[in-house]
Protein backbone atom coordinates (compact mmCIF):
# COMPACT_ATOMS: atom_id res chain seq x y z
CA UNK A 1 72.44 -28.56 -64.44
CA UNK A 2 70.08 -31.27 -65.64
CA UNK A 3 68.33 -33.25 -62.93
CA UNK A 4 68.74 -37.02 -63.07
CA UNK A 5 65.49 -38.88 -62.48
CA UNK A 6 65.27 -40.60 -59.10
CA UNK A 7 64.48 -43.90 -60.77
CA UNK A 8 67.51 -43.66 -63.03
CA UNK A 9 69.75 -42.73 -60.11
CA UNK A 10 68.62 -45.47 -57.71
CA UNK A 11 67.41 -48.33 -59.90
CA UNK A 12 70.70 -50.21 -59.57
CA UNK A 13 70.54 -50.19 -55.77
CA UNK A 14 66.74 -50.41 -55.48
CA UNK A 15 65.35 -52.93 -58.00
CA UNK A 16 61.83 -52.16 -59.11
CA UNK A 17 58.45 -53.80 -59.13
CA UNK A 18 57.52 -55.51 -62.38
CA UNK A 19 54.70 -53.32 -63.66
CA UNK A 20 53.71 -55.86 -66.34
CA UNK A 21 52.06 -57.96 -63.61
CA UNK A 22 49.31 -55.42 -62.98
CA UNK A 23 45.91 -55.71 -64.63
CA UNK A 24 45.88 -52.06 -65.72
CA UNK A 25 48.24 -49.15 -65.16
CA UNK A 26 48.59 -45.43 -65.76
CA UNK A 27 52.30 -44.64 -65.70
CA UNK A 28 54.48 -41.57 -65.25
CA UNK A 29 51.58 -39.16 -64.89
CA UNK A 30 52.86 -35.61 -64.39
CA UNK A 31 51.24 -33.97 -61.38
CA UNK A 32 53.35 -30.79 -61.65
CA UNK A 33 55.87 -29.20 -64.02
CA UNK A 34 58.79 -28.06 -61.85
CA UNK A 35 60.74 -31.34 -62.09
CA UNK A 36 60.82 -34.56 -64.05
CA UNK A 37 60.51 -36.29 -60.67
CA UNK A 38 57.00 -34.92 -60.11
CA UNK A 39 55.34 -38.00 -61.54
CA UNK A 40 53.26 -40.89 -60.25
CA UNK A 41 52.04 -44.33 -61.27
CA UNK A 42 48.59 -45.82 -60.73
CA UNK A 43 48.05 -49.57 -60.53
CA UNK A 44 44.47 -50.82 -60.82
CA UNK A 45 42.95 -53.95 -59.26
CA UNK A 46 41.44 -56.82 -61.21
CA UNK A 47 38.30 -56.80 -59.06
CA UNK A 48 35.53 -54.23 -59.27
CA UNK A 49 34.74 -51.63 -61.89
CA UNK A 50 35.43 -48.41 -59.99
CA UNK A 51 35.52 -45.68 -59.12
CA UNK A 52 38.13 -47.28 -56.87
CA UNK A 53 39.24 -46.33 -53.38
CA UNK A 54 42.85 -45.23 -53.63
CA UNK A 55 45.94 -45.91 -51.53
CA UNK A 56 48.65 -43.31 -52.22
CA UNK A 57 52.13 -44.62 -51.34
CA UNK A 58 55.22 -42.57 -50.43
CA UNK A 59 58.56 -44.35 -50.36
CA UNK A 60 61.21 -43.92 -47.70
CA UNK A 61 64.94 -43.33 -48.13
CA UNK A 62 65.79 -40.47 -45.72
CA UNK A 63 64.58 -38.00 -48.39
CA UNK A 64 67.86 -38.81 -50.14
CA UNK A 65 67.16 -41.97 -52.13
CA UNK A 66 64.42 -44.15 -53.55
CA UNK A 67 61.89 -44.07 -56.37
CA UNK A 68 58.21 -44.79 -56.95
CA UNK A 69 58.67 -48.39 -58.08
CA UNK A 70 61.32 -49.46 -55.57
CA UNK A 71 61.04 -53.00 -54.25
CA UNK A 72 61.02 -51.57 -50.72
CA UNK A 73 57.37 -50.48 -51.11
CA UNK A 74 55.98 -53.66 -52.63
CA UNK A 75 54.20 -54.68 -49.41
CA UNK A 76 52.43 -51.31 -49.28
CA UNK A 77 51.14 -51.97 -52.80
CA UNK A 78 49.35 -55.19 -51.83
CA UNK A 79 45.95 -53.48 -51.42
CA UNK A 80 45.82 -53.75 -55.22
CA UNK A 81 44.96 -57.42 -54.69
CA UNK A 82 42.00 -56.41 -52.49
CA UNK A 83 39.99 -54.07 -54.72
CA UNK A 84 42.02 -50.90 -54.16
CA UNK A 85 43.83 -48.80 -56.73
CA UNK A 86 47.36 -47.87 -55.66
CA UNK A 87 49.26 -44.73 -56.67
CA UNK A 88 53.00 -44.54 -56.02
CA UNK A 89 54.46 -41.05 -55.91
CA UNK A 90 57.84 -39.82 -57.07
CA UNK A 91 58.91 -36.65 -55.27
CA UNK A 92 61.92 -34.36 -55.29
CA UNK A 93 64.72 -35.52 -53.00
CA UNK A 94 66.74 -33.05 -50.96
CA UNK A 95 69.74 -32.96 -53.29
CA UNK A 96 67.32 -31.51 -55.87
CA UNK A 97 65.21 -29.26 -53.61
CA UNK A 98 65.19 -28.55 -49.87
CA UNK A 99 62.17 -29.02 -47.63
CA UNK A 100 59.24 -28.31 -47.96
CA UNK A 101 59.46 -29.42 -51.60
CA UNK A 102 58.79 -33.02 -50.52
CA UNK A 103 55.55 -32.06 -48.73
CA UNK A 104 54.51 -29.70 -51.54
CA UNK A 105 54.97 -32.56 -54.01
CA UNK A 106 52.85 -34.88 -51.87
CA UNK A 107 50.04 -32.34 -51.74
CA UNK A 108 50.31 -31.59 -55.45
CA UNK A 109 50.06 -35.32 -56.21
CA UNK A 110 46.88 -35.63 -54.13
CA UNK A 111 45.38 -32.52 -55.72
CA UNK A 112 46.13 -33.93 -59.18
CA UNK A 113 44.56 -37.27 -58.34
CA UNK A 114 41.43 -35.64 -56.93
CA UNK A 115 41.06 -33.14 -59.79
CA UNK A 116 41.33 -35.98 -62.31
CA UNK A 117 39.51 -38.63 -60.29
CA UNK A 118 36.68 -39.11 -62.79
CA UNK A 119 39.03 -39.59 -65.73
CA UNK A 120 41.26 -41.90 -63.67
CA UNK A 121 38.29 -43.93 -62.33
CA UNK A 122 39.08 -43.11 -58.70
CA UNK A 123 36.77 -42.26 -55.81
CA UNK A 124 37.83 -38.77 -54.61
CA UNK A 125 36.10 -39.36 -51.27
CA UNK A 126 38.17 -42.45 -50.46
CA UNK A 127 41.84 -41.47 -50.47
CA UNK A 128 44.34 -43.06 -48.06
CA UNK A 129 48.04 -42.27 -47.71
CA UNK A 130 50.64 -44.83 -46.63
CA UNK A 131 54.34 -44.17 -46.12
CA UNK A 132 57.39 -45.70 -44.49
CA UNK A 133 60.28 -43.90 -42.77
CA UNK A 134 60.79 -40.55 -44.56
CA UNK A 135 57.69 -41.27 -46.64
CA UNK A 136 55.82 -41.76 -43.38
CA UNK A 137 56.73 -38.25 -42.26
CA UNK A 138 55.19 -36.92 -45.46
CA UNK A 139 52.19 -39.18 -44.88
CA UNK A 140 51.62 -37.86 -41.37
CA UNK A 141 51.91 -34.25 -42.48
CA UNK A 142 49.50 -34.81 -45.36
CA UNK A 143 47.01 -36.27 -42.89
CA UNK A 144 47.20 -33.50 -40.31
CA UNK A 145 47.53 -30.40 -42.52
CA UNK A 146 44.67 -31.05 -44.98
CA UNK A 147 43.96 -27.92 -47.00
CA UNK A 148 46.09 -25.57 -44.88
CA UNK A 149 47.35 -23.07 -47.45
CA UNK A 150 50.37 -22.05 -45.37
CA UNK A 151 51.56 -25.68 -45.62
CA UNK A 152 51.13 -25.84 -49.39
CA UNK A 153 52.10 -24.04 -52.58
CA UNK A 154 49.05 -23.88 -54.81
CA UNK A 155 51.16 -22.62 -57.72
CA UNK A 156 52.58 -26.15 -57.98
CA UNK A 157 50.21 -28.39 -59.90
CA UNK A 158 46.45 -28.08 -60.17
CA UNK A 159 44.01 -26.64 -57.64
CA UNK A 160 41.89 -29.12 -55.69
CA UNK A 161 41.59 -30.38 -52.14
CA UNK A 162 44.64 -32.16 -50.71
CA UNK A 163 42.72 -33.71 -47.80
CA UNK A 164 42.97 -37.45 -47.21
CA UNK A 165 40.55 -39.76 -45.44
CA UNK A 166 43.00 -41.87 -43.45
CA UNK A 167 46.72 -42.56 -43.09
CA UNK A 168 49.15 -45.38 -42.29
CA UNK A 169 52.65 -44.44 -41.12
CA UNK A 170 55.43 -46.96 -40.58
CA UNK A 171 58.48 -46.28 -38.35
CA UNK A 172 58.57 -42.57 -38.92
CA UNK A 173 59.23 -39.19 -37.31
CA UNK A 174 56.55 -37.04 -35.72
CA UNK A 175 58.67 -34.49 -33.80
CA UNK A 176 61.95 -33.44 -35.37
CA UNK A 177 63.52 -31.72 -32.38
CA UNK A 178 63.12 -34.82 -30.24
CA UNK A 179 64.49 -36.98 -33.03
CA UNK A 180 67.71 -35.01 -32.76
CA UNK A 181 68.02 -34.97 -28.98
CA UNK A 182 66.57 -37.92 -27.09
CA UNK A 183 67.68 -41.51 -26.56
CA UNK A 184 71.34 -41.33 -25.65
CA UNK A 185 71.26 -45.02 -24.78
CA UNK A 186 70.27 -45.83 -28.34
CA UNK A 187 72.97 -43.49 -29.66
CA UNK A 188 75.51 -45.54 -27.69
CA UNK A 189 74.15 -48.75 -29.18
CA UNK A 190 74.32 -47.31 -32.66
CA UNK A 191 77.94 -46.28 -32.15
CA UNK A 192 78.89 -49.74 -30.90
CA UNK A 193 77.06 -51.62 -33.64
CA UNK A 194 78.01 -49.31 -36.49
CA UNK A 195 74.37 -48.55 -37.30
CA UNK A 196 74.12 -45.97 -40.05
CA UNK A 197 74.09 -42.26 -39.39
CA UNK A 198 70.58 -41.02 -39.88
CA UNK A 199 67.86 -39.36 -37.87
CA UNK A 200 68.88 -40.06 -34.30
CA UNK A 201 70.60 -38.26 -31.38
CA UNK A 202 73.63 -36.10 -32.15
CA UNK A 203 73.06 -36.35 -35.91
CA UNK A 204 71.71 -32.81 -35.94
CA UNK A 205 74.59 -31.21 -34.09
CA UNK A 206 76.89 -30.94 -37.08
CA UNK A 207 76.42 -29.40 -40.49
CA UNK A 208 76.36 -32.73 -42.33
CA UNK A 209 73.33 -34.40 -40.79
CA UNK A 210 70.43 -35.62 -42.89
CA UNK A 211 68.12 -33.08 -41.27
CA UNK A 212 70.46 -30.16 -41.94
CA UNK A 213 70.79 -31.24 -45.57
CA UNK A 214 67.02 -31.60 -45.90
CA UNK A 215 65.93 -28.41 -44.15
CA UNK A 216 68.82 -26.17 -45.13
CA UNK A 217 69.45 -25.27 -41.48
CA UNK A 218 70.40 -27.03 -38.26
CA UNK A 219 67.05 -27.88 -36.64
CA UNK A 220 68.43 -27.61 -33.12
CA UNK A 221 69.21 -23.93 -33.66
CA UNK A 222 65.76 -23.02 -34.99
CA UNK A 223 63.20 -24.88 -32.86
CA UNK A 224 60.21 -22.80 -33.97
CA UNK A 225 60.89 -23.47 -37.64
CA UNK A 226 61.50 -27.13 -36.84
CA UNK A 227 58.21 -27.41 -34.96
CA UNK A 228 56.35 -26.33 -38.09
CA UNK A 229 57.94 -29.21 -39.99
CA UNK A 230 56.88 -31.68 -37.28
CA UNK A 231 53.56 -33.49 -37.87
CA UNK A 232 52.78 -33.54 -34.15
CA UNK A 233 52.51 -29.72 -34.17
CA UNK A 234 49.58 -29.78 -36.61
CA UNK A 235 47.21 -32.27 -34.98
CA UNK A 236 43.68 -30.82 -34.82
CA UNK A 237 40.21 -32.16 -34.08
CA UNK A 238 39.58 -32.94 -37.77
CA UNK A 239 42.62 -35.23 -38.03
CA UNK A 240 41.63 -38.31 -40.10
CA UNK A 241 42.02 -41.84 -38.67
CA UNK A 242 45.64 -42.96 -38.42
CA UNK A 243 47.43 -46.28 -37.96
CA UNK A 244 50.97 -46.02 -36.59
CA UNK A 245 53.39 -48.96 -36.50
CA UNK A 246 56.99 -49.06 -35.26
CA UNK A 247 59.63 -51.55 -34.12
CA UNK A 248 61.03 -51.10 -30.60
CA UNK A 249 64.58 -51.88 -31.72
CA UNK A 250 64.65 -49.18 -34.39
CA UNK A 251 68.14 -47.65 -34.34
CA UNK A 252 67.35 -45.09 -37.03
CA UNK A 253 64.11 -43.55 -35.72
CA UNK A 254 63.28 -44.22 -32.09
CA UNK A 255 59.88 -45.85 -31.63
CA UNK A 256 58.86 -43.14 -29.15
CA UNK A 257 58.28 -40.94 -32.20
CA UNK A 258 55.19 -43.00 -33.01
CA UNK A 259 54.19 -43.12 -29.35
CA UNK A 260 54.31 -39.31 -29.16
CA UNK A 261 52.05 -38.98 -32.19
CA UNK A 262 49.64 -41.56 -30.83
CA UNK A 263 49.31 -39.74 -27.52
CA UNK A 264 48.82 -36.37 -29.24
CA UNK A 265 46.10 -37.57 -31.63
CA UNK A 266 44.37 -39.44 -28.81
CA UNK A 267 44.40 -36.34 -26.58
CA UNK A 268 43.10 -34.00 -29.29
CA UNK A 269 40.73 -36.29 -31.21
CA UNK A 270 39.93 -39.25 -28.96
CA UNK A 271 40.99 -42.88 -28.81
CA UNK A 272 38.90 -43.89 -31.81
CA UNK A 273 40.96 -41.73 -34.18
CA UNK A 274 44.36 -43.41 -33.85
CA UNK A 275 45.86 -46.88 -33.45
CA UNK A 276 49.42 -47.68 -32.39
CA UNK A 277 51.14 -51.06 -32.70
CA UNK A 278 54.69 -51.57 -31.46
CA UNK A 279 56.66 -54.60 -32.65
CA UNK A 280 58.98 -55.95 -29.98
CA UNK A 281 62.68 -55.97 -30.92
CA UNK A 282 61.99 -55.18 -34.57
CA UNK A 283 64.44 -52.86 -36.41
CA UNK A 284 63.93 -50.03 -38.86
CA UNK A 285 62.49 -51.43 -42.06
CA UNK A 286 61.26 -54.50 -40.17
CA UNK A 287 60.41 -57.49 -42.33
CA UNK A 288 57.78 -58.44 -39.75
CA UNK A 289 56.02 -55.13 -40.31
CA UNK A 290 56.19 -55.75 -44.06
CA UNK A 291 55.04 -59.38 -43.78
CA UNK A 292 51.68 -60.56 -45.05
CA UNK A 293 50.21 -61.04 -41.57
CA UNK A 294 50.67 -57.35 -40.79
CA UNK A 295 49.61 -56.23 -44.27
CA UNK A 296 46.32 -58.00 -43.56
CA UNK A 297 45.94 -55.82 -40.44
CA UNK A 298 46.69 -52.69 -42.45
CA UNK A 299 44.11 -53.63 -45.06
CA UNK A 300 41.64 -54.32 -42.23
CA UNK A 301 42.22 -50.70 -41.19
CA UNK A 302 41.57 -49.47 -44.74
CA UNK A 303 38.48 -51.65 -45.06
CA UNK A 304 37.12 -50.18 -41.83
CA UNK A 305 37.40 -46.67 -43.28
CA UNK A 306 36.22 -47.34 -46.82
CA UNK A 307 33.97 -50.42 -46.72
CA UNK A 308 32.59 -50.29 -43.16
CA UNK A 309 34.72 -53.36 -42.55
CA UNK A 310 32.96 -55.39 -45.26
CA UNK A 311 35.19 -55.27 -48.31
CA UNK A 312 33.56 -57.50 -50.97
CA UNK A 313 36.93 -57.95 -52.68
CA UNK A 314 38.92 -59.38 -49.77
CA UNK A 315 40.72 -62.61 -50.58
CA UNK A 316 44.14 -64.14 -49.86
CA UNK A 317 46.92 -61.66 -50.54
CA UNK A 318 48.68 -61.88 -53.84
CA UNK A 319 52.38 -61.28 -54.46
CA UNK A 320 54.16 -58.30 -55.99
CA UNK A 321 56.88 -59.47 -58.37
CA UNK A 322 60.22 -57.68 -58.74
CA UNK A 323 61.95 -57.34 -62.10
CA UNK A 324 64.43 -60.19 -62.54
CA UNK A 325 62.95 -62.40 -59.82
CA UNK A 326 61.57 -65.84 -60.66
C-alpha cells in the first residue's frame, strides 16, 4: 500500500509556513530511502556567509500527525532571523512505522546533515536540536544517545556522527513508564474537562493508547523495554547542554516529566549542563512558551553555546508567515 506523505495528509489541518519568505532554501532533501517521509528542509538566514550554525527542528503531534512545515513549529524556526540556519525534519509517523523508526529517522537526518555539511554550508560542529511534545522526546533522545550504535540503525541513510551540541525540549516526555502511571489528580481533571486522550495516566492500560500504537506493545507490561525508550535512562556524563521548558497546567504531559529529566542531568553532569523553566498555569502547547519573549531566551541559550553569548547577528525577532495569512 502506497504511503501518503505526512504533508499531504495533514496540510488541511496544519497550515504550513510560507517558504517563499526565506532568503534561501534547500527543500525536500532525502536523508534516507525507506520512505518518502524521510526528507527535510533547510532555511538559510540573510545575515552571515556561513558555514552556519544549525538548529534542527522536530515537530510534535503525538507521533501521529504533523509535518515539517506545520505552522505549529514557526516559533522554533525564528533563529533564522538571528544568523542561524534551520532544518525542519519530516519523519515516519507510527501509522507508517512503529518506534524506533522516529528516532532512527532523527539520527539519519543528523548524519545526513553532518556528512553533507560542506556542500550545504553548515558548521558540523554547531548542531542544535529543538523539539516540542513528541518531537521533544526525539530531541532528548538524540541529545543523550549520541553515537550509541544500539540506539541507531546505520543501514538507514549515510554514515556520520549523529551527535548534537545542545538541545531544547518543550513540554515533553522523559520517562515513559511514569507518563502512564502518575498524576491521578490530573487524570481526574482531564476527565472532567474533556481534555484529549494522550500520554497521561491510564492511557497505557488499554490496547488503544498512543503509546501502545507507537511502541507496538503496552509499555506497562514491558518496563525494561520501555525504559530503553525513555531519554532519562540514557543520561551520561557527556550529555550536551539542555534547556527544558514546560507549563505546570499541562494536561497532556505532566510537567514533572521535565523536572525528572532536569534532576537526572543535574545529578549526572552538574548544574551547568541543564536549565529548567516552568511556566505557571500554562497548558500543553502554551502560547506563552511560543511567544517572542521566550524565543529570545531560547536563542540566548543557543548563543551561549555557539557564539559564547556574543552573537553578532542578534537583532529584533522577525516573523514567520503562514500560507494564506496577510
